[in-house]
Each structure stands twice: as structure tokens, then as C-alpha cells.
Amino acid sequence: MEAGKLNKRVSILRPPGEDEADSWGQPLDDWPEVCKVWAGIHPLSGRERIAAAQVDADVTTRIPIRYRPGIDRTMVVKYKNQEFEILYTIHPEYNRRELQLMCKERQ
């Protein structure tokens, strides 16, 4: 993985737990940040979109990041004001160097 291709600083957020509350005891509305990482954001081309549709028709974006344990499909990626729902993760070559987050852009 080339570091220069990871040129976007993104936040990875997780859903709040049922027992988490704000200082007033109300359930959290905001998703807590798990980490900030460098990533690439690549909308899928026509050919890639057709291939992805065979697995999941909603995949619109591929977001590569350096390998990090604990990232799963319950989380979202946030870049500036845009959020991407993680539909599934791919570990290329299972070498613990890279994760490919296959995402759907939230409107």
C-alpha cells in the first residue's frame, strides 16, 4: 500500500452502546469516534460497480486504510460532512497491512 494514496483524514465511528448516556442521563445521539486514520476514498467505476453488485448492490465506494483490528460493519466512516456506511471489509492477502472498506454513501 502506497502511503501517498491515503490522502484523506477520516474518522471511524461506532454506534453508541445501550448503556451509554450524556451528562443528563439521556441516550447518546452522536456516534463516538473509534479512531482517526488516513484513507483513500474511491467511488467505484462502472465495471467495479457491476462486480460489486454480484455481492451487494448497495456498494458505491471503496475506502482503503492501513490494517487496524476491530473495524466492522456496524461502524461508519466520516470524511468532512459525508458519511459512508461500512457494508463489509476485505483483508487483501491477509497480511495485516491493509483493509478495504466496501461502503455505501449515506445521503
Protein backbone atom coordinates (compact mmCIF):
# COMPACT_ATOMS: atom_id res chain seq x y z
CA MET A 1 0.00 0.00 0.00
CA GLU A 2 1.44 3.34 -1.02
CA ALA A 3 1.18 5.99 1.69
CA GLY A 4 0.61 8.76 -0.86
CA LYS A 5 -2.69 7.21 -1.89
CA LEU A 6 -4.02 7.51 1.66
CA ASN A 7 -4.55 11.25 1.43
CA LYS A 8 -7.83 11.78 3.30
CA ARG A 9 -8.08 12.04 7.09
CA VAL A 10 -11.25 10.20 8.12
CA SER A 11 -12.94 9.30 11.39
CA ILE A 12 -14.32 5.86 12.09
CA LEU A 13 -17.39 5.99 14.32
CA ARG A 14 -19.24 3.28 16.19
CA PRO A 15 -22.86 3.19 17.31
CA PRO A 16 -23.40 4.21 20.93
CA GLY A 17 -23.96 1.38 23.39
CA GLU A 18 -27.31 0.93 25.07
CA ASP A 19 -25.81 1.82 28.45
CA GLU A 20 -24.05 5.00 27.24
CA ALA A 21 -25.63 8.32 28.17
CA ASP A 22 -24.79 12.01 28.18
CA SER A 23 -24.28 14.07 31.35
CA TRP A 24 -28.07 14.40 31.71
CA GLY A 25 -28.63 10.66 31.53
CA GLN A 26 -30.11 10.79 28.03
CA PRO A 27 -29.07 8.20 25.40
CA LEU A 28 -26.34 9.43 23.07
CA ASP A 29 -27.41 10.70 19.65
CA ASP A 30 -23.88 11.09 18.29
CA TRP A 31 -21.74 8.13 17.40
CA PRO A 32 -18.47 8.03 19.39
CA GLU A 33 -15.21 8.18 17.43
CA VAL A 34 -13.17 4.98 17.44
CA CYS A 35 -10.14 6.44 15.65
CA LYS A 36 -8.86 8.85 13.00
CA VAL A 37 -6.94 7.25 10.14
CA TRP A 38 -5.52 8.13 6.74
CA ALA A 39 -7.57 6.66 3.92
CA GLY A 40 -8.28 6.80 0.23
CA ILE A 41 -11.84 7.33 -0.96
CA HIS A 42 -12.59 5.76 -4.33
CA PRO A 43 -16.06 5.80 -5.90
CA LEU A 44 -16.50 2.55 -7.81
CA SER A 45 -16.21 2.69 -11.58
CA GLY A 46 -18.87 1.12 -13.79
CA ARG A 47 -17.05 -2.22 -14.09
CA GLU A 48 -16.26 -2.38 -10.36
CA ARG A 49 -19.87 -1.50 -9.54
CA ILE A 50 -21.14 -4.38 -11.69
CA ALA A 51 -18.76 -6.78 -9.93
CA ALA A 52 -19.76 -5.45 -6.51
CA ALA A 53 -23.46 -5.79 -7.39
CA GLN A 54 -22.94 -9.55 -7.56
CA VAL A 55 -22.13 -9.44 -3.84
CA ASP A 56 -24.03 -6.38 -2.58
CA ALA A 57 -25.93 -3.97 -4.82
CA ASP A 58 -25.53 -1.04 -2.43
CA VAL A 59 -21.72 -0.76 -2.53
CA THR A 60 -20.75 2.61 -4.03
CA THR A 61 -17.33 3.38 -2.55
CA ARG A 62 -14.10 1.58 -1.66
CA ILE A 63 -12.10 3.07 1.22
CA PRO A 64 -8.64 1.54 1.77
CA ILE A 65 -6.95 2.10 5.16
CA ARG A 66 -3.96 0.61 6.92
CA TYR A 67 -4.85 -2.56 8.80
CA ARG A 68 -6.49 -1.93 12.14
CA PRO A 69 -8.18 -4.66 14.22
CA GLY A 70 -11.73 -4.16 15.40
CA ILE A 71 -13.17 -2.35 12.37
CA ASP A 72 -16.50 -3.94 11.46
CA ARG A 73 -19.71 -3.38 9.54
CA THR A 74 -21.56 -1.76 12.43
CA MET A 75 -19.35 1.31 12.01
CA VAL A 76 -19.34 4.29 9.68
CA VAL A 77 -16.56 6.30 8.05
CA LYS A 78 -16.88 10.08 8.20
CA TYR A 79 -14.98 12.43 5.88
CA LYS A 80 -15.78 16.12 6.34
CA ASN A 81 -19.61 16.21 6.19
CA GLN A 82 -20.03 12.92 4.31
CA GLU A 83 -20.68 9.56 5.96
CA PHE A 84 -20.13 6.09 4.50
CA GLU A 85 -21.80 3.01 5.95
CA ILE A 86 -19.40 0.04 6.05
CA LEU A 87 -21.11 -2.90 4.35
CA TYR A 88 -18.17 -5.29 4.57
CA THR A 89 -14.40 -5.38 4.99
CA ILE A 90 -11.79 -7.13 2.88
CA HIS A 91 -8.32 -8.13 4.12
CA PRO A 92 -6.24 -8.35 0.91
CA GLU A 93 -3.77 -11.21 1.18
CA TYR A 94 -4.48 -11.48 4.95
CA ASN A 95 -1.14 -9.83 5.65
CA ARG A 96 -2.38 -7.33 8.27
CA ARG A 97 -1.19 -4.40 6.16
CA GLU A 98 -4.41 -3.13 4.62
CA LEU A 99 -8.20 -3.16 4.98
CA GLN A 100 -10.57 -2.38 2.13
CA LEU A 101 -13.82 -0.95 3.48
CA MET A 102 -16.63 -1.51 0.99
CA CYS A 103 -19.16 1.20 1.73
CA LYS A 104 -22.43 2.82 0.82
CA GLU A 105 -22.54 6.60 0.79
CA ARG A 106 -25.18 7.94 3.19
CA GLN A 107 -27.40 10.72 1.90
